[in-house]
PDB file of N, CA and C in Angstrom:
ATOM      1  N   UNK A   1       5.346   1.635  -3.112  1.00  0.00           N
ATOM      2  CA  UNK A   1       4.701   2.795  -3.625  1.00  0.00           C
ATOM      3  C   UNK A   1       5.766   3.823  -3.971  1.00  0.00           C
ATOM      4  N   UNK A   2       5.931   4.283  -5.143  1.00  0.00           N
ATOM      5  CA  UNK A   2       7.112   5.166  -5.640  1.00  0.00           C
ATOM      6  C   UNK A   2       7.102   6.477  -5.015  1.00  0.00           C
ATOM      7  N   UNK A   3       5.900   7.068  -4.423  1.00  0.00           N
ATOM      8  CA  UNK A   3       5.868   8.263  -3.897  1.00  0.00           C
ATOM      9  C   UNK A   3       5.869   8.336  -2.400  1.00  0.00           C
ATOM     10  N   UNK A   4       6.034   7.132  -1.737  1.00  0.00           N
ATOM     11  CA  UNK A   4       5.793   7.214  -0.407  1.00  0.00           C
ATOM     12  C   UNK A   4       6.741   8.081   0.343  1.00  0.00           C
ATOM     13  N   UNK A   5       8.065   8.251   0.062  1.00  0.00           N
ATOM     14  CA  UNK A   5       9.010   9.024   0.717  1.00  0.00           C
ATOM     15  C   UNK A   5       8.696  10.577   0.555  1.00  0.00           C
ATOM     16  N   UNK A   6       8.302  10.996  -0.651  1.00  0.00           N
ATOM     17  CA  UNK A   6       7.778  12.379  -0.992  1.00  0.00           C
ATOM     18  C   UNK A   6       6.561  12.671  -0.112  1.00  0.00           C
ATOM     19  N   UNK A   7       5.665  11.691  -0.186  1.00  0.00           N
ATOM     20  CA  UNK A   7       4.427  11.968   0.554  1.00  0.00           C
ATOM     21  C   UNK A   7       4.646  12.275   2.101  1.00  0.00           C
ATOM     22  N   UNK A   8       5.596  11.413   2.716  1.00  0.00           N
ATOM     23  CA  UNK A   8       5.817  11.459   3.973  1.00  0.00           C
ATOM     24  C   UNK A   8       6.575  12.703   4.381  1.00  0.00           C
ATOM     25  N   UNK A   9       7.532  13.236   3.547  1.00  0.00           N
ATOM     26  CA  UNK A   9       8.325  14.305   3.826  1.00  0.00           C
ATOM     27  C   UNK A   9       7.523  15.552   3.704  1.00  0.00           C
ATOM     28  N   UNK A  10       6.650  15.569   2.824  1.00  0.00           N
ATOM     29  CA  UNK A  10       5.784  16.781   2.718  1.00  0.00           C
ATOM     30  C   UNK A  10       5.032  17.249   3.951  1.00  0.00           C
ATOM     31  N   UNK A  11       4.341  16.405   4.670  1.00  0.00           N
ATOM     32  CA  UNK A  11       3.817  16.972   5.953  1.00  0.00           C
ATOM     33  C   UNK A  11       4.758  17.035   7.094  1.00  0.00           C
ATOM     34  N   UNK A  12       5.913  16.214   7.128  1.00  0.00           N
ATOM     35  CA  UNK A  12       6.949  16.435   8.143  1.00  0.00           C
ATOM     36  C   UNK A  12       7.514  17.873   8.033  1.00  0.00           C
ATOM     37  N   UNK A  13       7.622  18.449   6.717  1.00  0.00           N
ATOM     38  CA  UNK A  13       8.121  19.703   6.487  1.00  0.00           C
ATOM     39  C   UNK A  13       7.229  20.834   6.995  1.00  0.00           C
ATOM     40  N   UNK A  14       5.993  20.536   6.670  1.00  0.00           N
ATOM     41  CA  UNK A  14       4.800  21.576   7.045  1.00  0.00           C
ATOM     42  C   UNK A  14       4.323  21.408   8.333  1.00  0.00           C
ATOM     43  N   UNK A  15       4.279  20.177   8.783  1.00  0.00           N
ATOM     44  CA  UNK A  15       3.768  20.086  10.246  1.00  0.00           C
ATOM     45  C   UNK A  15       4.773  19.256  11.144  1.00  0.00           C
ATOM     46  N   UNK A  16       5.955  19.807  11.485  1.00  0.00           N
ATOM     47  CA  UNK A  16       6.857  19.062  12.296  1.00  0.00           C
ATOM     48  C   UNK A  16       6.423  18.380  13.518  1.00  0.00           C
ATOM     49  N   UNK A  17       5.225  19.011  14.010  1.00  0.00           N
ATOM     50  CA  UNK A  17       4.884  18.399  15.368  1.00  0.00           C
ATOM     51  C   UNK A  17       4.107  16.966  15.248  1.00  0.00           C
ATOM     52  N   UNK A  18       3.753  16.637  13.843  1.00  0.00           N
ATOM     53  CA  UNK A  18       3.107  15.351  13.562  1.00  0.00           C
ATOM     54  C   UNK A  18       4.048  14.395  13.560  1.00  0.00           C
ATOM     55  N   UNK A  19       3.737  13.238  14.150  1.00  0.00           N
ATOM     56  CA  UNK A  19       4.520  11.902  13.977  1.00  0.00           C
ATOM     57  C   UNK A  19       4.135  11.107  12.842  1.00  0.00           C
ATOM     58  N   UNK A  20       4.770  11.052  11.846  1.00  0.00           N
ATOM     59  CA  UNK A  20       4.500  10.203  10.725  1.00  0.00           C
ATOM     60  C   UNK A  20       5.637   9.258  10.394  1.00  0.00           C
ATOM     61  N   UNK A  21       5.464   8.010  10.252  1.00  0.00           N
ATOM     62  CA  UNK A  21       6.463   7.059  10.055  1.00  0.00           C
ATOM     63  C   UNK A  21       6.119   5.927   9.116  1.00  0.00           C
ATOM     64  N   UNK A  22       7.133   5.636   8.300  1.00  0.00           N
ATOM     65  CA  UNK A  22       6.865   4.648   7.330  1.00  0.00           C
ATOM     66  C   UNK A  22       7.383   3.177   7.872  1.00  0.00           C
ATOM     67  N   UNK A  23       6.598   2.245   7.944  1.00  0.00           N
ATOM     68  CA  UNK A  23       6.931   0.895   8.453  1.00  0.00           C
ATOM     69  C   UNK A  23       6.912  -0.113   7.232  1.00  0.00           C
ATOM     70  N   UNK A  24       7.993  -1.138   7.390  1.00  0.00           N
ATOM     71  CA  UNK A  24       7.906  -2.116   6.372  1.00  0.00           C
ATOM     72  C   UNK A  24       7.016  -3.446   6.883  1.00  0.00           C
ATOM     73  N   UNK A  25       5.769  -3.208   6.397  1.00  0.00           N
ATOM     74  CA  UNK A  25       4.745  -4.303   6.815  1.00  0.00           C
ATOM     75  C   UNK A  25       4.262  -5.075   5.462  1.00  0.00           C
ATOM     76  N   UNK A  26       4.103  -6.288   5.606  1.00  0.00           N
ATOM     77  CA  UNK A  26       3.572  -7.015   4.424  1.00  0.00           C
ATOM     78  C   UNK A  26       2.171  -6.843   4.444  1.00  0.00           C
ATOM     79  N   UNK A  27       1.433  -7.388   3.365  1.00  0.00           N
ATOM     80  CA  UNK A  27       0.095  -7.079   3.117  1.00  0.00           C
ATOM     81  C   UNK A  27      -0.818  -7.595   4.499  1.00  0.00           C
ATOM     82  N   UNK A  28      -0.503  -8.739   4.991  1.00  0.00           N
ATOM     83  CA  UNK A  28      -1.446  -9.231   6.194  1.00  0.00           C
ATOM     84  C   UNK A  28      -1.121  -8.359   7.408  1.00  0.00           C
ATOM     85  N   UNK A  29       0.242  -8.001   7.570  1.00  0.00           N
ATOM     86  CA  UNK A  29       0.612  -7.141   8.726  1.00  0.00           C
ATOM     87  C   UNK A  29      -0.078  -5.672   8.623  1.00  0.00           C
ATOM     88  N   UNK A  30      -0.303  -5.154   7.310  1.00  0.00           N
ATOM     89  CA  UNK A  30      -0.822  -3.892   7.033  1.00  0.00           C
ATOM     90  C   UNK A  30      -2.339  -3.935   7.598  1.00  0.00           C
ATOM     91  N   UNK A  31      -3.032  -5.001   7.076  1.00  0.00           N
ATOM     92  CA  UNK A  31      -4.354  -5.373   7.482  1.00  0.00           C
ATOM     93  C   UNK A  31      -4.663  -5.263   8.861  1.00  0.00           C
ATOM     94  N   UNK A  32      -3.963  -6.168   9.605  1.00  0.00           N
ATOM     95  CA  UNK A  32      -4.032  -6.252  11.027  1.00  0.00           C
ATOM     96  C   UNK A  32      -3.758  -5.073  11.722  1.00  0.00           C
ATOM     97  N   UNK A  33      -2.618  -4.247  11.402  1.00  0.00           N
ATOM     98  CA  UNK A  33      -2.177  -3.166  12.029  1.00  0.00           C
ATOM     99  C   UNK A  33      -3.270  -2.138  11.874  1.00  0.00           C
ATOM    100  N   UNK A  34      -3.969  -1.971  10.732  1.00  0.00           N
ATOM    101  CA  UNK A  34      -4.907  -0.944  10.583  1.00  0.00           C
ATOM    102  C   UNK A  34      -6.270  -1.247  11.294  1.00  0.00           C
ATOM    103  N   UNK A  35      -6.490  -2.610  11.226  1.00  0.00           N
ATOM    104  CA  UNK A  35      -7.680  -3.115  11.969  1.00  0.00           C
ATOM    105  C   UNK A  35      -7.641  -2.770  13.513  1.00  0.00           C
ATOM    106  N   UNK A  36      -6.471  -3.276  14.004  1.00  0.00           N
ATOM    107  CA  UNK A  36      -6.075  -3.232  15.535  1.00  0.00           C
ATOM    108  C   UNK A  36      -5.860  -1.855  15.965  1.00  0.00           C
ATOM    109  N   UNK A  37      -5.725  -0.842  15.143  1.00  0.00           N
ATOM    110  CA  UNK A  37      -5.455   0.518  15.483  1.00  0.00           C
ATOM    111  C   UNK A  37      -4.000   0.851  15.734  1.00  0.00           C
ATOM    112  N   UNK A  38      -3.139   0.076  15.385  1.00  0.00           N
ATOM    113  CA  UNK A  38      -1.763   0.255  15.540  1.00  0.00           C
ATOM    114  C   UNK A  38      -1.232   1.424  14.545  1.00  0.00           C
ATOM    115  N   UNK A  39      -1.827   1.350  13.313  1.00  0.00           N
ATOM    116  CA  UNK A  39      -1.333   2.486  12.477  1.00  0.00           C
ATOM    117  C   UNK A  39      -2.703   3.097  12.062  1.00  0.00           C
ATOM    118  N   UNK A  40      -2.665   4.287  11.589  1.00  0.00           N
ATOM    119  CA  UNK A  40      -3.842   5.169  11.100  1.00  0.00           C
ATOM    120  C   UNK A  40      -4.084   4.977   9.469  1.00  0.00           C
ATOM    121  N   UNK A  41      -2.948   4.761   8.676  1.00  0.00           N
ATOM    122  CA  UNK A  41      -3.221   4.465   7.322  1.00  0.00           C
ATOM    123  C   UNK A  41      -2.269   3.655   6.726  1.00  0.00           C
ATOM    124  N   UNK A  42      -2.627   2.995   5.764  1.00  0.00           N
ATOM    125  CA  UNK A  42      -1.769   2.048   4.961  1.00  0.00           C
ATOM    126  C   UNK A  42      -1.925   2.103   3.355  1.00  0.00           C
ATOM    127  N   UNK A  43      -0.819   1.993   2.550  1.00  0.00           N
ATOM    128  CA  UNK A  43      -1.179   1.897   1.127  1.00  0.00           C
ATOM    129  C   UNK A  43      -1.898   0.778   0.741  1.00  0.00           C
ATOM    130  N   UNK A  44      -2.829   0.822  -0.043  1.00  0.00           N
ATOM    131  CA  UNK A  44      -3.625  -0.329  -0.547  1.00  0.00           C
ATOM    132  C   UNK A  44      -3.442  -0.466  -2.009  1.00  0.00           C
ATOM    133  N   UNK A  45      -2.671  -1.520  -2.505  1.00  0.00           N
ATOM    134  CA  UNK A  45      -2.752  -1.555  -4.052  1.00  0.00           C
ATOM    135  C   UNK A  45      -4.109  -2.120  -4.577  1.00  0.00           C
ATOM    136  N   UNK A  46      -4.491  -1.667  -5.553  1.00  0.00           N
ATOM    137  CA  UNK A  46      -5.783  -2.128  -6.122  1.00  0.00           C
ATOM    138  C   UNK A  46      -5.555  -3.168  -7.113  1.00  0.00           C
ATOM    139  N   UNK A  47      -6.093  -4.279  -6.984  1.00  0.00           N
ATOM    140  CA  UNK A  47      -5.848  -5.609  -7.765  1.00  0.00           C
ATOM    141  C   UNK A  47      -6.976  -5.996  -8.626  1.00  0.00           C
ATOM    142  N   UNK A  48      -8.293  -5.572  -8.350  1.00  0.00           N
ATOM    143  CA  UNK A  48      -9.382  -5.816  -9.135  1.00  0.00           C
ATOM    144  C   UNK A  48     -10.050  -7.142  -8.862  1.00  0.00           C
ATOM    145  N   UNK A  49      -9.314  -7.950  -7.986  1.00  0.00           N
ATOM    146  CA  UNK A  49      -9.967  -9.083  -7.345  1.00  0.00           C
ATOM    147  C   UNK A  49     -10.374  -8.946  -5.997  1.00  0.00           C
ATOM    148  N   UNK A  50     -11.470  -9.332  -5.565  1.00  0.00           N
ATOM    149  CA  UNK A  50     -11.860  -9.115  -4.161  1.00  0.00           C
ATOM    150  C   UNK A  50     -11.367 -10.145  -3.268  1.00  0.00           C
ATOM    151  N   UNK A  51     -10.187  -9.802  -2.586  1.00  0.00           N
ATOM    152  CA  UNK A  51      -9.511 -10.718  -1.647  1.00  0.00           C
ATOM    153  C   UNK A  51      -9.373  -9.981  -0.361  1.00  0.00           C
ATOM    154  N   UNK A  52      -9.142 -10.762   0.703  1.00  0.00           N
ATOM    155  CA  UNK A  52      -8.942 -10.163   1.947  1.00  0.00           C
ATOM    156  C   UNK A  52      -7.511 -10.233   2.476  1.00  0.00           C
ATOM    157  N   UNK A  53      -6.623 -11.064   1.720  1.00  0.00           N
ATOM    158  CA  UNK A  53      -5.184 -10.979   2.160  1.00  0.00           C
ATOM    159  C   UNK A  53      -4.324 -11.615   0.827  1.00  0.00           C
ATOM    160  N   UNK A  54      -3.096 -11.554   1.117  1.00  0.00           N
ATOM    161  CA  UNK A  54      -2.249 -11.932   0.025  1.00  0.00           C
ATOM    162  C   UNK A  54      -2.287 -13.434  -0.257  1.00  0.00           C
ATOM    163  N   UNK A  55      -2.589 -14.284   0.669  1.00  0.00           N
ATOM    164  CA  UNK A  55      -2.838 -15.711   0.493  1.00  0.00           C
ATOM    165  C   UNK A  55      -3.982 -15.846  -0.543  1.00  0.00           C
ATOM    166  N   UNK A  56      -5.195 -15.193  -0.367  1.00  0.00           N
ATOM    167  CA  UNK A  56      -6.161 -15.209  -1.122  1.00  0.00           C
ATOM    168  C   UNK A  56      -5.915 -14.630  -2.567  1.00  0.00           C
ATOM    169  N   UNK A  57      -5.203 -13.740  -2.663  1.00  0.00           N
ATOM    170  CA  UNK A  57      -4.693 -13.261  -3.936  1.00  0.00           C
ATOM    171  C   UNK A  57      -4.036 -14.315  -4.684  1.00  0.00           C
ATOM    172  N   UNK A  58      -2.957 -14.722  -4.039  1.00  0.00           N
ATOM    173  CA  UNK A  58      -2.080 -15.829  -4.809  1.00  0.00           C
ATOM    174  C   UNK A  58      -2.824 -17.108  -5.005  1.00  0.00           C
ATOM    175  N   UNK A  59      -3.852 -17.502  -4.355  1.00  0.00           N
ATOM    176  CA  UNK A  59      -4.662 -18.506  -4.544  1.00  0.00           C
ATOM    177  C   UNK A  59      -5.489 -18.306  -5.796  1.00  0.00           C
ATOM    178  N   UNK A  60      -6.055 -17.100  -5.962  1.00  0.00           N
ATOM    179  CA  UNK A  60      -6.726 -16.752  -7.124  1.00  0.00           C
ATOM    180  C   UNK A  60      -5.841 -16.849  -8.383  1.00  0.00           C
ATOM    181  N   UNK A  61      -4.627 -16.446  -8.271  1.00  0.00           N
ATOM    182  CA  UNK A  61      -3.620 -16.362  -9.411  1.00  0.00           C
ATOM    183  C   UNK A  61      -3.519 -17.800  -9.714  1.00  0.00           C
ATOM    184  N   UNK A  62      -3.143 -18.698  -8.712  1.00  0.00           N
ATOM    185  CA  UNK A  62      -2.790 -20.098  -8.946  1.00  0.00           C
ATOM    186  C   UNK A  62      -3.973 -20.704  -9.607  1.00  0.00           C
ATOM    187  N   UNK A  63      -5.138 -20.404  -9.305  1.00  0.00           N
ATOM    188  CA  UNK A  63      -6.278 -21.158  -9.989  1.00  0.00           C
ATOM    189  C   UNK A  63      -6.561 -20.523 -11.219  1.00  0.00           C
ATOM    190  N   UNK A  64      -5.935 -19.480 -11.766  1.00  0.00           N
ATOM    191  CA  UNK A  64      -6.273 -18.821 -12.945  1.00  0.00           C
ATOM    192  C   UNK A  64      -7.397 -17.875 -13.058  1.00  0.00           C
ATOM    193  N   UNK A  65      -7.758 -17.394 -11.872  1.00  0.00           N
ATOM    194  CA  UNK A  65      -8.866 -16.521 -11.797  1.00  0.00           C
ATOM    195  C   UNK A  65      -8.411 -14.984 -11.838  1.00  0.00           C
ATOM    196  N   UNK A  66      -7.056 -14.806 -11.752  1.00  0.00           N
ATOM    197  CA  UNK A  66      -6.673 -13.437 -11.618  1.00  0.00           C
ATOM    198  C   UNK A  66      -5.109 -13.474 -11.998  1.00  0.00           C
ATOM    199  N   UNK A  67      -4.641 -12.161 -12.384  1.00  0.00           N
ATOM    200  CA  UNK A  67      -3.278 -12.002 -12.466  1.00  0.00           C
ATOM    201  C   UNK A  67      -2.885 -10.832 -11.465  1.00  0.00           C
ATOM    202  N   UNK A  68      -1.888 -10.593 -10.840  1.00  0.00           N
ATOM    203  CA  UNK A  68      -1.555  -9.656 -10.016  1.00  0.00           C
ATOM    204  C   UNK A  68      -0.131  -8.995 -10.412  1.00  0.00           C
ATOM    205  N   UNK A  69      -0.055  -7.725 -10.301  1.00  0.00           N
ATOM    206  CA  UNK A  69       1.324  -7.057 -10.370  1.00  0.00           C
ATOM    207  C   UNK A  69       1.746  -6.626  -9.007  1.00  0.00           C
ATOM    208  N   UNK A  70       2.733  -7.282  -8.675  1.00  0.00           N
ATOM    209  CA  UNK A  70       3.206  -7.281  -7.171  1.00  0.00           C
ATOM    210  C   UNK A  70       4.730  -6.835  -7.214  1.00  0.00           C
ATOM    211  N   UNK A  71       5.074  -6.165  -6.097  1.00  0.00           N
ATOM    212  CA  UNK A  71       6.511  -5.756  -6.102  1.00  0.00           C
ATOM    213  C   UNK A  71       7.508  -6.859  -6.338  1.00  0.00           C
ATOM    214  N   UNK A  72       8.707  -6.697  -6.829  1.00  0.00           N
ATOM    215  CA  UNK A  72       9.566  -7.639  -7.100  1.00  0.00           C
ATOM    216  C   UNK A  72       9.982  -8.513  -5.969  1.00  0.00           C
ATOM    217  N   UNK A  73       9.916  -8.032  -4.665  1.00  0.00           N
ATOM    218  CA  UNK A  73      10.109  -8.900  -3.441  1.00  0.00           C
ATOM    219  C   UNK A  73       9.144  -9.942  -3.309  1.00  0.00           C
ATOM    220  N   UNK A  74       8.026  -9.912  -3.964  1.00  0.00           N
ATOM    221  CA  UNK A  74       6.966 -10.751  -3.591  1.00  0.00           C
ATOM    222  C   UNK A  74       7.410 -12.263  -4.057  1.00  0.00           C
ATOM    223  N   UNK A  75       8.263 -12.328  -5.064  1.00  0.00           N
ATOM    224  CA  UNK A  75       8.739 -13.478  -5.748  1.00  0.00           C
ATOM    225  C   UNK A  75       9.560 -14.335  -4.687  1.00  0.00           C
ATOM    226  N   UNK A  76      10.215 -13.552  -3.727  1.00  0.00           N
ATOM    227  CA  UNK A  76      10.856 -14.444  -2.609  1.00  0.00           C
ATOM    228  C   UNK A  76      10.159 -14.432  -1.392  1.00  0.00           C
ATOM    229  N   UNK A  77       9.207 -13.391  -1.131  1.00  0.00           N
ATOM    230  CA  UNK A  77       8.402 -13.452   0.153  1.00  0.00           C
ATOM    231  C   UNK A  77       7.226 -14.433  -0.013  1.00  0.00           C
ATOM    232  N   UNK A  78       6.707 -14.655  -1.292  1.00  0.00           N
ATOM    233  CA  UNK A  78       5.547 -15.534  -1.335  1.00  0.00           C
ATOM    234  C   UNK A  78       5.834 -16.538  -2.524  1.00  0.00           C
ATOM    235  N   UNK A  79       6.645 -17.487  -2.470  1.00  0.00           N
ATOM    236  CA  UNK A  79       6.814 -18.483  -3.398  1.00  0.00           C
ATOM    237  C   UNK A  79       5.630 -19.476  -3.219  1.00  0.00           C
ATOM    238  N   UNK A  80       4.930 -19.638  -4.319  1.00  0.00           N
ATOM    239  CA  UNK A  80       3.789 -20.601  -4.233  1.00  0.00           C
ATOM    240  C   UNK A  80       3.747 -21.489  -5.643  1.00  0.00           C
ATOM    241  N   UNK A  81       3.404 -22.870  -5.364  1.00  0.00           N
ATOM    242  CA  UNK A  81       3.157 -23.623  -6.563  1.00  0.00           C
ATOM    243  C   UNK A  81       2.109 -23.031  -7.414  1.00  0.00           C
ATOM    244  N   UNK A  82       2.314 -23.146  -8.736  1.00  0.00           N
ATOM    245  CA  UNK A  82       1.289 -22.498  -9.609  1.00  0.00           C
ATOM    246  C   UNK A  82       1.358 -21.100  -9.733  1.00  0.00           C
ATOM    247  N   UNK A  83       2.272 -20.418  -9.060  1.00  0.00           N
ATOM    248  CA  UNK A  83       2.306 -18.954  -9.463  1.00  0.00           C
ATOM    249  C   UNK A  83       3.760 -18.684  -9.966  1.00  0.00           C
ATOM    250  N   UNK A  84       3.859 -17.938 -11.028  1.00  0.00           N
ATOM    251  CA  UNK A  84       4.982 -17.592 -11.713  1.00  0.00           C
ATOM    252  C   UNK A  84       5.189 -16.044 -11.524  1.00  0.00           C
ATOM    253  N   UNK A  85       6.532 -15.625 -11.165  1.00  0.00           N
ATOM    254  CA  UNK A  85       6.669 -14.204 -11.115  1.00  0.00           C
ATOM    255  C   UNK A  85       7.413 -13.893 -12.317  1.00  0.00           C
ATOM    256  N   UNK A  86       7.148 -12.759 -12.955  1.00  0.00           N
ATOM    257  CA  UNK A  86       7.857 -12.370 -14.179  1.00  0.00           C
ATOM    258  C   UNK A  86       8.136 -10.838 -14.027  1.00  0.00           C
ATOM    259  N   UNK A  87       9.277 -10.562 -14.196  1.00  0.00           N
ATOM    260  CA  UNK A  87       9.723  -9.099 -14.196  1.00  0.00           C
ATOM    261  C   UNK A  87       9.153  -8.420 -15.335  1.00  0.00           C
ATOM    262  N   UNK A  88       8.332  -7.417 -15.092  1.00  0.00           N
ATOM    263  CA  UNK A  88       7.824  -6.650 -16.267  1.00  0.00           C
ATOM    264  C   UNK A  88       8.527  -5.207 -16.275  1.00  0.00           C
ATOM    265  N   UNK A  89       9.725  -5.168 -16.773  1.00  0.00           N
ATOM    266  CA  UNK A  89      10.465  -3.922 -16.668  1.00  0.00           C
ATOM    267  C   UNK A  89       9.736  -2.640 -17.121  1.00  0.00           C
ATOM    268  N   UNK A  90       9.024  -2.725 -18.110  1.00  0.00           N
ATOM    269  CA  UNK A  90       8.436  -1.590 -18.805  1.00  0.00           C
ATOM    270  C   UNK A  90       6.966  -1.417 -18.446  1.00  0.00           C
ATOM    271  N   UNK A  91       6.567  -1.949 -17.301  1.00  0.00           N
ATOM    272  CA  UNK A  91       5.033  -1.987 -16.850  1.00  0.00           C
ATOM    273  C   UNK A  91       4.934  -0.418 -16.365  1.00  0.00           C
ATOM    274  N   UNK A  92       3.588  -0.007 -16.526  1.00  0.00           N
ATOM    275  CA  UNK A  92       3.191   1.347 -16.093  1.00  0.00           C
ATOM    276  C   UNK A  92       3.148   1.190 -14.661  1.00  0.00           C
ATOM    277  N   UNK A  93       3.086   2.497 -14.031  1.00  0.00           N
ATOM    278  CA  UNK A  93       3.107   2.360 -12.511  1.00  0.00           C
ATOM    279  C   UNK A  93       1.619   1.920 -12.112  1.00  0.00           C
ATOM    280  N   UNK A  94       1.493   1.330 -10.931  1.00  0.00           N
ATOM    281  CA  UNK A  94       0.305   0.920 -10.587  1.00  0.00           C
ATOM    282  C   UNK A  94      -0.553   1.775  -9.711  1.00  0.00           C
ATOM    283  N   UNK A  95      -1.867   1.660  -9.659  1.00  0.00           N
ATOM    284  CA  UNK A  95      -2.710   2.336  -8.875  1.00  0.00           C
ATOM    285  C   UNK A  95      -2.575   1.913  -7.439  1.00  0.00           C
ATOM    286  N   UNK A  96      -2.580   2.971  -6.577  1.00  0.00           N
ATOM    287  CA  UNK A  96      -2.460   2.614  -5.297  1.00  0.00           C
ATOM    288  C   UNK A  96      -3.489   3.717  -4.414  1.00  0.00           C
ATOM    289  N   UNK A  97      -3.822   3.336  -3.207  1.00  0.00           N
ATOM    290  CA  UNK A  97      -4.751   4.193  -2.394  1.00  0.00           C
ATOM    291  C   UNK A  97      -4.210   4.168  -0.962  1.00  0.00           C
ATOM    292  N   UNK A  98      -4.803   5.083  -0.214  1.00  0.00           N
ATOM    293  CA  UNK A  98      -4.378   5.145   1.172  1.00  0.00           C
ATOM    294  C   UNK A  98      -5.721   4.692   1.834  1.00  0.00           C
ATOM    295  N   UNK A  99      -5.590   3.788   2.870  1.00  0.00           N
ATOM    296  CA  UNK A  99      -6.725   3.697   3.721  1.00  0.00           C
ATOM    297  C   UNK A  99      -6.599   3.923   5.194  1.00  0.00           C
ATOM    298  N   UNK A 100      -7.587   4.430   5.784  1.00  0.00           N
ATOM    299  CA  UNK A 100      -7.464   4.711   7.229  1.00  0.00           C
ATOM    300  C   UNK A 100      -8.900   4.323   7.880  1.00  0.00           C
ATOM    301  N   UNK A 101      -8.727   4.215   9.278  1.00  0.00           N
ATOM    302  CA  UNK A 101     -10.024   3.880  10.101  1.00  0.00           C
ATOM    303  C   UNK A 101     -10.935   5.018   9.849  1.00  0.00           C
ATOM    304  N   UNK A 102     -12.254   4.898   9.915  1.00  0.00           N
ATOM    305  CA  UNK A 102     -13.195   5.960   9.881  1.00  0.00           C
ATOM    306  C   UNK A 102     -13.127   6.853  10.912  1.00  0.00           C
ATOM    307  N   UNK A 103     -12.698   6.305  12.132  1.00  0.00           N
ATOM    308  CA  UNK A 103     -12.618   7.123  13.163  1.00  0.00           C
ATOM    309  C   UNK A 103     -11.393   7.925  13.212  1.00  0.00           C
ATOM    310  N   UNK A 104     -10.404   7.802  12.307  1.00  0.00           N
ATOM    311  CA  UNK A 104      -9.122   8.592  12.077  1.00  0.00           C
ATOM    312  C   UNK A 104      -9.376   9.633  11.124  1.00  0.00           C
ATOM    313  N   UNK A 105     -10.416   9.743  10.513  1.00  0.00           N
ATOM    314  CA  UNK A 105     -10.491  10.487   9.177  1.00  0.00           C
ATOM    315  C   UNK A 105     -10.017  11.918   9.377  1.00  0.00           C
ATOM    316  N   UNK A 106     -10.400  12.559  10.503  1.00  0.00           N
ATOM    317  CA  UNK A 106     -10.077  13.986  10.865  1.00  0.00           C
ATOM    318  C   UNK A 106      -8.833  14.182  11.554  1.00  0.00           C
ATOM    319  N   UNK A 107      -8.235  13.051  11.942  1.00  0.00           N
ATOM    320  CA  UNK A 107      -6.759  13.321  12.825  1.00  0.00           C
ATOM    321  C   UNK A 107      -5.831  14.129  11.876  1.00  0.00           C
ATOM    322  N   UNK A 108      -5.119  15.041  12.605  1.00  0.00           N
ATOM    323  CA  UNK A 108      -4.368  15.881  11.732  1.00  0.00           C
ATOM    324  C   UNK A 108      -3.247  15.183  11.033  1.00  0.00           C
ATOM    325  N   UNK A 109      -2.807  14.053  11.554  1.00  0.00           N
ATOM    326  CA  UNK A 109      -1.841  13.417  10.720  1.00  0.00           C
ATOM    327  C   UNK A 109      -2.283  12.810   9.606  1.00  0.00           C
ATOM    328  N   UNK A 110      -3.738  12.266   9.523  1.00  0.00           N
ATOM    329  CA  UNK A 110      -4.187  11.710   8.363  1.00  0.00           C
ATOM    330  C   UNK A 110      -4.576  12.843   7.216  1.00  0.00           C
ATOM    331  N   UNK A 111      -5.099  13.954   8.024  1.00  0.00           N
ATOM    332  CA  UNK A 111      -5.343  15.097   7.082  1.00  0.00           C
ATOM    333  C   UNK A 111      -4.298  15.556   6.293  1.00  0.00           C
ATOM    334  N   UNK A 112      -3.083  15.621   7.036  1.00  0.00           N
ATOM    335  CA  UNK A 112      -1.816  16.043   6.427  1.00  0.00           C
ATOM    336  C   UNK A 112      -1.326  14.957   5.426  1.00  0.00           C
ATOM    337  N   UNK A 113      -1.388  13.840   5.632  1.00  0.00           N
ATOM    338  CA  UNK A 113      -0.981  12.641   4.798  1.00  0.00           C
ATOM    339  C   UNK A 113      -1.863  12.809   3.457  1.00  0.00           C
ATOM    340  N   UNK A 114      -3.109  12.936   3.565  1.00  0.00           N
ATOM    341  CA  UNK A 114      -3.923  13.081   2.400  1.00  0.00           C
ATOM    342  C   UNK A 114      -3.723  14.239   1.515  1.00  0.00           C
ATOM    343  N   UNK A 115      -3.349  15.289   2.200  1.00  0.00           N
ATOM    344  CA  UNK A 115      -2.977  16.607   1.557  1.00  0.00           C
ATOM    345  C   UNK A 115      -1.715  16.389   0.803  1.00  0.00           C
ATOM    346  N   UNK A 116      -0.755  15.723   1.484  1.00  0.00           N
ATOM    347  CA  UNK A 116       0.777  15.417   0.970  1.00  0.00           C
ATOM    348  C   UNK A 116       0.649  14.483  -0.300  1.00  0.00           C
ATOM    349  N   UNK A 117      -0.207  13.391  -0.146  1.00  0.00           N
ATOM    350  CA  UNK A 117      -0.325  12.460  -1.357  1.00  0.00           C
ATOM    351  C   UNK A 117      -0.814  13.219  -2.473  1.00  0.00           C
ATOM    352  N   UNK A 118      -1.973  13.991  -2.339  1.00  0.00           N
ATOM    353  CA  UNK A 118      -2.603  14.798  -3.392  1.00  0.00           C
ATOM    354  C   UNK A 118      -1.464  15.696  -4.146  1.00  0.00           C
ATOM    355  N   UNK A 119      -0.750  16.435  -3.103  1.00  0.00           N
ATOM    356  CA  UNK A 119       0.175  17.419  -3.753  1.00  0.00           C
ATOM    357  C   UNK A 119       1.375  16.671  -4.530  1.00  0.00           C
ATOM    358  N   UNK A 120       1.862  15.633  -3.975  1.00  0.00           N
ATOM    359  CA  UNK A 120       3.003  14.871  -4.624  1.00  0.00           C
ATOM    360  C   UNK A 120       2.488  14.281  -5.896  1.00  0.00           C
ATOM    361  N   UNK A 121       1.239  13.543  -6.035  1.00  0.00           N
ATOM    362  CA  UNK A 121       0.849  12.839  -7.104  1.00  0.00           C
ATOM    363  C   UNK A 121       0.541  14.117  -8.198  1.00  0.00           C
ATOM    364  N   UNK A 122      -0.095  15.074  -7.888  1.00  0.00           N
ATOM    365  CA  UNK A 122      -0.584  16.079  -8.708  1.00  0.00           C
ATOM    366  C   UNK A 122       0.599  16.730  -9.476  1.00  0.00           C
ATOM    367  N   UNK A 123       1.717  16.821  -8.578  1.00  0.00           N
ATOM    368  CA  UNK A 123       3.033  17.499  -9.182  1.00  0.00           C
ATOM    369  C   UNK A 123       3.818  16.567 -10.100  1.00  0.00           C
ATOM    370  N   UNK A 124       3.404  15.326 -10.370  1.00  0.00           N
ATOM    371  CA  UNK A 124       4.231  14.456 -11.326  1.00  0.00           C
ATOM    372  C   UNK A 124       3.459  14.345 -12.562  1.00  0.00           C
TER     373      UNK A 124
END
């Protein structure tokens, strides 16, 4: 997510009492951490295919049902037969979203993170 650092620094500057951290989690870890309540929000890339995890996405690609634009690291993190990774140097930025548990919607960290994301994205 190209704006992640800017989005996280915004609420840190405005609300230093909030604890906001960026963790390096893969797709499956993100889903589990969000479901288990370990984290309050995760970036979610939109891929257009209804899948529940990266394995299902790569299976859809291998079957020819979908294409996916993934980070360059996916080529070495998820090598799969039938899946080719091609660097697209001039690709436009991807659409991403934040997801959080419904019970965390009004938590101050989530409110601050949403406001920061809006501010950073609207300023670019």
